[in-house]
All heavy atoms as atom14 arrays in JSON, in Angstrom:
{
  "sequence": "EKILSAVEQAKHQHADVIVFPELCVTGYPPEDLL",
  "atom14_mask": [
    [1, 1, 1, 1, 1, 1, 1, 1, 1, 0, 0, 0, 0, 0],
    [1, 1, 1, 1, 1, 1, 1, 1, 1, 0, 0, 0, 0, 0],
    [1, 1, 1, 1, 1, 1, 1, 1, 0, 0, 0, 0, 0, 0],
    [1, 1, 1, 1, 1, 1, 1, 1, 0, 0, 0, 0, 0, 0],
    [1, 1, 1, 1, 1, 1, 0, 0, 0, 0, 0, 0, 0, 0],
    [1, 1, 1, 1, 1, 0, 0, 0, 0, 0, 0, 0, 0, 0],
    [1, 1, 1, 1, 1, 1, 1, 0, 0, 0, 0, 0, 0, 0],
    [1, 1, 1, 1, 1, 1, 1, 1, 1, 0, 0, 0, 0, 0],
    [1, 1, 1, 1, 1, 1, 1, 1, 1, 0, 0, 0, 0, 0],
    [1, 1, 1, 1, 1, 0, 0, 0, 0, 0, 0, 0, 0, 0],
    [1, 1, 1, 1, 1, 1, 1, 1, 1, 0, 0, 0, 0, 0],
    [1, 1, 1, 1, 1, 1, 1, 1, 1, 1, 0, 0, 0, 0],
    [1, 1, 1, 1, 1, 1, 1, 1, 1, 0, 0, 0, 0, 0],
    [1, 1, 1, 1, 1, 1, 1, 1, 1, 1, 0, 0, 0, 0],
    [1, 1, 1, 1, 1, 0, 0, 0, 0, 0, 0, 0, 0, 0],
    [1, 1, 1, 1, 1, 1, 1, 1, 0, 0, 0, 0, 0, 0],
    [1, 1, 1, 1, 1, 1, 1, 0, 0, 0, 0, 0, 0, 0],
    [1, 1, 1, 1, 1, 1, 1, 1, 0, 0, 0, 0, 0, 0],
    [1, 1, 1, 1, 1, 1, 1, 0, 0, 0, 0, 0, 0, 0],
    [1, 1, 1, 1, 1, 1, 1, 1, 1, 1, 1, 0, 0, 0],
    [1, 1, 1, 1, 1, 1, 1, 0, 0, 0, 0, 0, 0, 0],
    [1, 1, 1, 1, 1, 1, 1, 1, 1, 0, 0, 0, 0, 0],
    [1, 1, 1, 1, 1, 1, 1, 1, 0, 0, 0, 0, 0, 0],
    [1, 1, 1, 1, 1, 1, 0, 0, 0, 0, 0, 0, 0, 0],
    [1, 1, 1, 1, 1, 1, 1, 0, 0, 0, 0, 0, 0, 0],
    [1, 1, 1, 1, 1, 1, 1, 0, 0, 0, 0, 0, 0, 0],
    [1, 1, 1, 1, 0, 0, 0, 0, 0, 0, 0, 0, 0, 0],
    [1, 1, 1, 1, 1, 1, 1, 1, 1, 1, 1, 1, 0, 0],
    [1, 1, 1, 1, 1, 1, 1, 0, 0, 0, 0, 0, 0, 0],
    [1, 1, 1, 1, 1, 1, 1, 0, 0, 0, 0, 0, 0, 0],
    [1, 1, 1, 1, 1, 1, 1, 1, 1, 0, 0, 0, 0, 0],
    [1, 1, 1, 1, 1, 1, 1, 1, 0, 0, 0, 0, 0, 0],
    [1, 1, 1, 1, 1, 1, 1, 1, 0, 0, 0, 0, 0, 0],
    [1, 1, 1, 1, 1, 1, 1, 1, 0, 0, 0, 0, 0, 0]
  ],
  "atom14_positions": [
    [[12.82, -9.32, -2.33], [12.01, -8.16, -2.74], [12.15, -7.01, -1.75], [12.24, -5.84, -2.13], [10.54, -8.56, -2.85], [10.22, -9.47, -4.03], [10.39, -8.76, -5.37], [10.42, -7.51, -5.4], [10.49, -9.45, -6.39], [0.0, 0.0, 0.0], [0.0, 0.0, 0.0], [0.0, 0.0, 0.0], [0.0, 0.0, 0.0], [0.0, 0.0, 0.0]],
    [[12.19, -7.34, -0.47], [12.33, -6.3, 0.56], [13.69, -5.63, 0.45], [13.81, -4.4, 0.58], [12.13, -6.91, 1.94], [12.28, -5.92, 3.09], [11.75, -6.48, 4.4], [10.25, -6.32, 4.45], [9.69, -6.47, 5.81], [0.0, 0.0, 0.0], [0.0, 0.0, 0.0], [0.0, 0.0, 0.0], [0.0, 0.0, 0.0], [0.0, 0.0, 0.0]],
    [[14.73, -6.41, 0.2], [16.07, -5.85, 0.02], [16.11, -4.91, -1.18], [16.61, -3.78, -1.1], [17.1, -6.98, -0.14], [17.27, -7.74, 1.18], [18.46, -6.43, -0.6], [18.03, -9.04, 1.05], [0.0, 0.0, 0.0], [0.0, 0.0, 0.0], [0.0, 0.0, 0.0], [0.0, 0.0, 0.0], [0.0, 0.0, 0.0], [0.0, 0.0, 0.0]],
    [[15.54, -5.36, -2.29], [15.57, -4.54, -3.51], [14.74, -3.27, -3.35], [15.12, -2.21, -3.86], [15.07, -5.36, -4.7], [15.99, -6.5, -5.14], [15.32, -7.34, -6.23], [17.33, -5.96, -5.64], [0.0, 0.0, 0.0], [0.0, 0.0, 0.0], [0.0, 0.0, 0.0], [0.0, 0.0, 0.0], [0.0, 0.0, 0.0], [0.0, 0.0, 0.0]],
    [[13.63, -3.34, -2.65], [12.83, -2.15, -2.4], [13.6, -1.13, -1.58], [13.59, 0.08, -1.87], [11.53, -2.54, -1.67], [10.77, -1.41, -1.34], [0.0, 0.0, 0.0], [0.0, 0.0, 0.0], [0.0, 0.0, 0.0], [0.0, 0.0, 0.0], [0.0, 0.0, 0.0], [0.0, 0.0, 0.0], [0.0, 0.0, 0.0], [0.0, 0.0, 0.0]],
    [[14.31, -1.61, -0.54], [15.12, -0.71, 0.29], [16.28, -0.13, -0.52], [16.64, 1.05, -0.35], [15.65, -1.46, 1.51], [0.0, 0.0, 0.0], [0.0, 0.0, 0.0], [0.0, 0.0, 0.0], [0.0, 0.0, 0.0], [0.0, 0.0, 0.0], [0.0, 0.0, 0.0], [0.0, 0.0, 0.0], [0.0, 0.0, 0.0], [0.0, 0.0, 0.0]],
    [[16.86, -0.93, -1.4], [17.94, -0.44, -2.26], [17.45, 0.71, -3.12], [18.12, 1.76, -3.25], [18.49, -1.59, -3.14], [19.32, -1.04, -4.3], [19.33, -2.54, -2.3], [0.0, 0.0, 0.0], [0.0, 0.0, 0.0], [0.0, 0.0, 0.0], [0.0, 0.0, 0.0], [0.0, 0.0, 0.0], [0.0, 0.0, 0.0], [0.0, 0.0, 0.0]],
    [[16.27, 0.57, -3.72], [15.73, 1.64, -4.57], [15.45, 2.9, -3.76], [15.69, 4.02, -4.21], [14.47, 1.16, -5.28], [14.74, 0.14, -6.36], [15.75, 0.63, -7.39], [15.55, 1.76, -7.92], [16.75, -0.07, -7.64], [0.0, 0.0, 0.0], [0.0, 0.0, 0.0], [0.0, 0.0, 0.0], [0.0, 0.0, 0.0], [0.0, 0.0, 0.0]],
    [[14.92, 2.7, -2.55], [14.65, 3.85, -1.68], [15.95, 4.57, -1.31], [16.02, 5.81, -1.32], [13.92, 3.39, -0.42], [13.49, 4.54, 0.49], [12.75, 4.04, 1.73], [12.31, 2.88, 1.78], [12.64, 4.88, 2.73], [0.0, 0.0, 0.0], [0.0, 0.0, 0.0], [0.0, 0.0, 0.0], [0.0, 0.0, 0.0], [0.0, 0.0, 0.0]],
    [[16.98, 3.81, -0.99], [18.27, 4.41, -0.63], [18.89, 5.13, -1.82], [19.48, 6.22, -1.67], [19.22, 3.33, -0.1], [0.0, 0.0, 0.0], [0.0, 0.0, 0.0], [0.0, 0.0, 0.0], [0.0, 0.0, 0.0], [0.0, 0.0, 0.0], [0.0, 0.0, 0.0], [0.0, 0.0, 0.0], [0.0, 0.0, 0.0], [0.0, 0.0, 0.0]],
    [[18.77, 4.55, -3.01], [19.28, 5.21, -4.21], [18.56, 6.53, -4.45], [19.19, 7.55, -4.81], [19.11, 4.3, -5.43], [20.12, 3.17, -5.51], [19.75, 2.15, -6.56], [19.71, 2.77, -7.96], [19.41, 1.75, -8.99], [0.0, 0.0, 0.0], [0.0, 0.0, 0.0], [0.0, 0.0, 0.0], [0.0, 0.0, 0.0], [0.0, 0.0, 0.0]],
    [[17.25, 6.54, -4.24], [16.46, 7.75, -4.42], [16.92, 8.86, -3.47], [16.83, 10.05, -3.79], [14.98, 7.44, -4.2], [14.07, 8.61, -4.42], [13.81, 9.14, -5.67], [13.38, 9.37, -3.54], [12.99, 10.15, -5.56], [12.7, 10.32, -4.27], [0.0, 0.0, 0.0], [0.0, 0.0, 0.0], [0.0, 0.0, 0.0], [0.0, 0.0, 0.0]],
    [[17.43, 8.43, -2.3], [17.92, 9.4, -1.3], [19.43, 9.64, -1.46], [20.04, 10.26, -0.59], [17.59, 8.89, 0.11], [16.09, 8.77, 0.37], [15.79, 8.26, 1.77], [16.26, 8.81, 2.77], [15.0, 7.21, 1.85], [0.0, 0.0, 0.0], [0.0, 0.0, 0.0], [0.0, 0.0, 0.0], [0.0, 0.0, 0.0], [0.0, 0.0, 0.0]],
    [[20.0, 9.16, -2.56], [21.39, 9.43, -2.92], [22.39, 8.81, -1.95], [23.47, 9.38, -1.71], [21.64, 10.94, -3.04], [20.66, 11.62, -3.95], [20.63, 11.39, -5.32], [19.66, 12.5, -3.69], [19.65, 12.11, -5.85], [19.05, 12.79, -4.89], [0.0, 0.0, 0.0], [0.0, 0.0, 0.0], [0.0, 0.0, 0.0], [0.0, 0.0, 0.0]],
    [[22.05, 7.64, -1.4], [23.01, 6.91, -0.56], [24.08, 6.27, -1.43], [23.82, 5.86, -2.57], [22.3, 5.85, 0.26], [0.0, 0.0, 0.0], [0.0, 0.0, 0.0], [0.0, 0.0, 0.0], [0.0, 0.0, 0.0], [0.0, 0.0, 0.0], [0.0, 0.0, 0.0], [0.0, 0.0, 0.0], [0.0, 0.0, 0.0], [0.0, 0.0, 0.0]],
    [[25.28, 6.17, -0.89], [26.37, 5.49, -1.58], [26.42, 4.0, -1.22], [26.79, 3.16, -2.06], [27.71, 6.14, -1.21], [27.76, 7.6, -1.59], [27.63, 7.91, -2.78], [27.91, 8.44, -0.67], [0.0, 0.0, 0.0], [0.0, 0.0, 0.0], [0.0, 0.0, 0.0], [0.0, 0.0, 0.0], [0.0, 0.0, 0.0], [0.0, 0.0, 0.0]],
    [[26.07, 3.71, 0.03], [26.14, 2.33, 0.55], [24.87, 2.09, 1.36], [24.39, 2.98, 2.06], [27.38, 2.13, 1.45], [27.42, 0.7, 2.0], [28.66, 2.47, 0.71], [0.0, 0.0, 0.0], [0.0, 0.0, 0.0], [0.0, 0.0, 0.0], [0.0, 0.0, 0.0], [0.0, 0.0, 0.0], [0.0, 0.0, 0.0], [0.0, 0.0, 0.0]],
    [[24.33, 0.88, 1.26], [23.23, 0.48, 2.13], [23.62, -0.82, 2.82], [24.14, -1.75, 2.19], [21.9, 0.33, 1.36], [20.77, -0.09, 2.32], [22.01, -0.63, 0.18], [19.38, -0.02, 1.71], [0.0, 0.0, 0.0], [0.0, 0.0, 0.0], [0.0, 0.0, 0.0], [0.0, 0.0, 0.0], [0.0, 0.0, 0.0], [0.0, 0.0, 0.0]],
    [[23.39, -0.89, 4.13], [23.8, -2.04, 4.94], [22.56, -2.72, 5.5], [21.7, -2.05, 6.1], [24.74, -1.62, 6.08], [25.25, -2.85, 6.84], [25.91, -0.8, 5.54], [0.0, 0.0, 0.0], [0.0, 0.0, 0.0], [0.0, 0.0, 0.0], [0.0, 0.0, 0.0], [0.0, 0.0, 0.0], [0.0, 0.0, 0.0], [0.0, 0.0, 0.0]],
    [[22.49, -4.03, 5.34], [21.36, -4.83, 5.81], [21.79, -5.69, 7.0], [22.99, -5.85, 7.27], [20.85, -5.72, 4.67], [20.18, -4.95, 3.57], [20.91, -4.49, 2.48], [18.81, -4.68, 3.62], [20.3, -3.78, 1.46], [18.2, -3.98, 2.6], [18.93, -3.52, 1.52], [0.0, 0.0, 0.0], [0.0, 0.0, 0.0], [0.0, 0.0, 0.0]],
    [[20.84, -6.31, 7.69], [21.19, -7.17, 8.83], [21.82, -8.5, 8.42], [21.86, -8.88, 7.25], [19.84, -7.4, 9.53], [18.95, -6.3, 9.05], [19.4, -6.03, 7.64], [0.0, 0.0, 0.0], [0.0, 0.0, 0.0], [0.0, 0.0, 0.0], [0.0, 0.0, 0.0], [0.0, 0.0, 0.0], [0.0, 0.0, 0.0], [0.0, 0.0, 0.0]],
    [[22.27, -9.22, 9.43], [22.88, -10.55, 9.27], [21.9, -11.54, 8.65], [20.71, -11.58, 9.01], [23.31, -11.03, 10.67], [23.95, -12.39, 10.73], [24.36, -12.76, 12.16], [24.02, -12.01, 13.11], [25.04, -13.79, 12.33], [0.0, 0.0, 0.0], [0.0, 0.0, 0.0], [0.0, 0.0, 0.0], [0.0, 0.0, 0.0], [0.0, 0.0, 0.0]],
    [[22.38, -12.36, 7.71], [21.58, -13.4, 7.06], [20.21, -12.89, 6.6], [19.19, -13.58, 6.7], [21.4, -14.61, 8.0], [22.66, -15.42, 8.32], [22.3, -16.61, 9.21], [23.37, -15.91, 7.07], [0.0, 0.0, 0.0], [0.0, 0.0, 0.0], [0.0, 0.0, 0.0], [0.0, 0.0, 0.0], [0.0, 0.0, 0.0], [0.0, 0.0, 0.0]],
    [[20.19, -11.66, 6.07], [18.91, -11.07, 5.67], [18.27, -11.82, 4.51], [17.04, -11.8, 4.37], [19.09, -9.59, 5.33], [20.3, -9.26, 4.03], [0.0, 0.0, 0.0], [0.0, 0.0, 0.0], [0.0, 0.0, 0.0], [0.0, 0.0, 0.0], [0.0, 0.0, 0.0], [0.0, 0.0, 0.0], [0.0, 0.0, 0.0], [0.0, 0.0, 0.0]],
    [[19.05, -12.48, 3.68], [18.47, -13.2, 2.54], [17.62, -14.38, 3.02], [16.55, -14.65, 2.48], [19.58, -13.68, 1.58], [18.98, -14.52, 0.45], [20.33, -12.49, 1.01], [0.0, 0.0, 0.0], [0.0, 0.0, 0.0], [0.0, 0.0, 0.0], [0.0, 0.0, 0.0], [0.0, 0.0, 0.0], [0.0, 0.0, 0.0], [0.0, 0.0, 0.0]],
    [[18.07, -15.06, 4.06], [17.34, -16.23, 4.57], [16.43, -15.9, 5.74], [15.53, -16.66, 6.06], [18.32, -17.31, 5.06], [19.14, -16.76, 6.1], [19.19, -17.81, 3.93], [0.0, 0.0, 0.0], [0.0, 0.0, 0.0], [0.0, 0.0, 0.0], [0.0, 0.0, 0.0], [0.0, 0.0, 0.0], [0.0, 0.0, 0.0], [0.0, 0.0, 0.0]],
    [[16.65, -14.76, 6.4], [16.04, -14.52, 7.7], [16.86, -15.2, 8.77], [17.62, -16.15, 8.5], [0.0, 0.0, 0.0], [0.0, 0.0, 0.0], [0.0, 0.0, 0.0], [0.0, 0.0, 0.0], [0.0, 0.0, 0.0], [0.0, 0.0, 0.0], [0.0, 0.0, 0.0], [0.0, 0.0, 0.0], [0.0, 0.0, 0.0], [0.0, 0.0, 0.0]],
    [[16.74, -14.72, 10.01], [17.58, -15.24, 11.09], [16.72, -15.59, 12.3], [15.83, -14.81, 12.66], [18.62, -14.19, 11.5], [19.64, -14.7, 12.49], [20.86, -15.21, 12.06], [19.39, -14.7, 13.85], [21.79, -15.7, 12.96], [20.31, -15.18, 14.76], [21.51, -15.68, 14.31], [22.44, -16.17, 15.21], [0.0, 0.0, 0.0], [0.0, 0.0, 0.0]],
    [[16.96, -16.74, 12.94], [17.9, -17.8, 12.58], [17.22, -18.89, 11.75], [16.15, -19.37, 12.12], [18.32, -18.36, 13.94], [17.1, -18.19, 14.8], [16.4, -16.94, 14.31], [0.0, 0.0, 0.0], [0.0, 0.0, 0.0], [0.0, 0.0, 0.0], [0.0, 0.0, 0.0], [0.0, 0.0, 0.0], [0.0, 0.0, 0.0], [0.0, 0.0, 0.0]],
    [[17.84, -19.33, 10.67], [17.24, -20.39, 9.86], [17.38, -21.77, 10.46], [16.78, -22.73, 9.97], [17.99, -20.28, 8.52], [19.28, -19.62, 8.85], [19.03, -18.74, 10.04], [0.0, 0.0, 0.0], [0.0, 0.0, 0.0], [0.0, 0.0, 0.0], [0.0, 0.0, 0.0], [0.0, 0.0, 0.0], [0.0, 0.0, 0.0], [0.0, 0.0, 0.0]],
    [[18.19, -21.92, 11.48], [18.37, -23.18, 12.2], [18.68, -24.34, 11.24], [19.47, -24.18, 10.32], [17.15, -23.44, 13.1], [16.95, -22.32, 14.13], [15.83, -22.59, 15.1], [14.66, -22.28, 14.78], [16.14, -23.09, 16.19], [0.0, 0.0, 0.0], [0.0, 0.0, 0.0], [0.0, 0.0, 0.0], [0.0, 0.0, 0.0], [0.0, 0.0, 0.0]],
    [[18.02, -25.49, 11.41], [18.42, -26.67, 10.63], [18.01, -26.62, 9.17], [18.34, -27.54, 8.4], [17.86, -27.93, 11.28], [18.73, -28.43, 12.43], [19.65, -27.69, 12.83], [18.49, -29.55, 12.93], [0.0, 0.0, 0.0], [0.0, 0.0, 0.0], [0.0, 0.0, 0.0], [0.0, 0.0, 0.0], [0.0, 0.0, 0.0], [0.0, 0.0, 0.0]],
    [[17.31, -25.57, 8.76], [17.13, -25.37, 7.32], [18.49, -25.26, 6.62], [18.62, -25.59, 5.44], [16.31, -24.12, 7.05], [14.81, -24.19, 7.41], [14.19, -22.81, 7.29], [14.08, -25.19, 6.52], [0.0, 0.0, 0.0], [0.0, 0.0, 0.0], [0.0, 0.0, 0.0], [0.0, 0.0, 0.0], [0.0, 0.0, 0.0], [0.0, 0.0, 0.0]],
    [[19.49, -24.81, 7.36], [20.83, -24.68, 6.8], [21.46, -26.03, 6.46], [22.47, -26.08, 5.76], [21.73, -23.91, 7.77], [21.39, -22.43, 7.98], [22.12, -21.88, 9.19], [21.72, -21.63, 6.73], [0.0, 0.0, 0.0], [0.0, 0.0, 0.0], [0.0, 0.0, 0.0], [0.0, 0.0, 0.0], [0.0, 0.0, 0.0], [0.0, 0.0, 0.0]]
  ]
}
């Protein structure tokens, strides 16, 4: 949800590309959850 919200905000500001941090989908570090 946080990624999609930022995507919409970036689109509203006419960005072509938006870059997120490492392992943003899982959060970092997920350790042995992996």
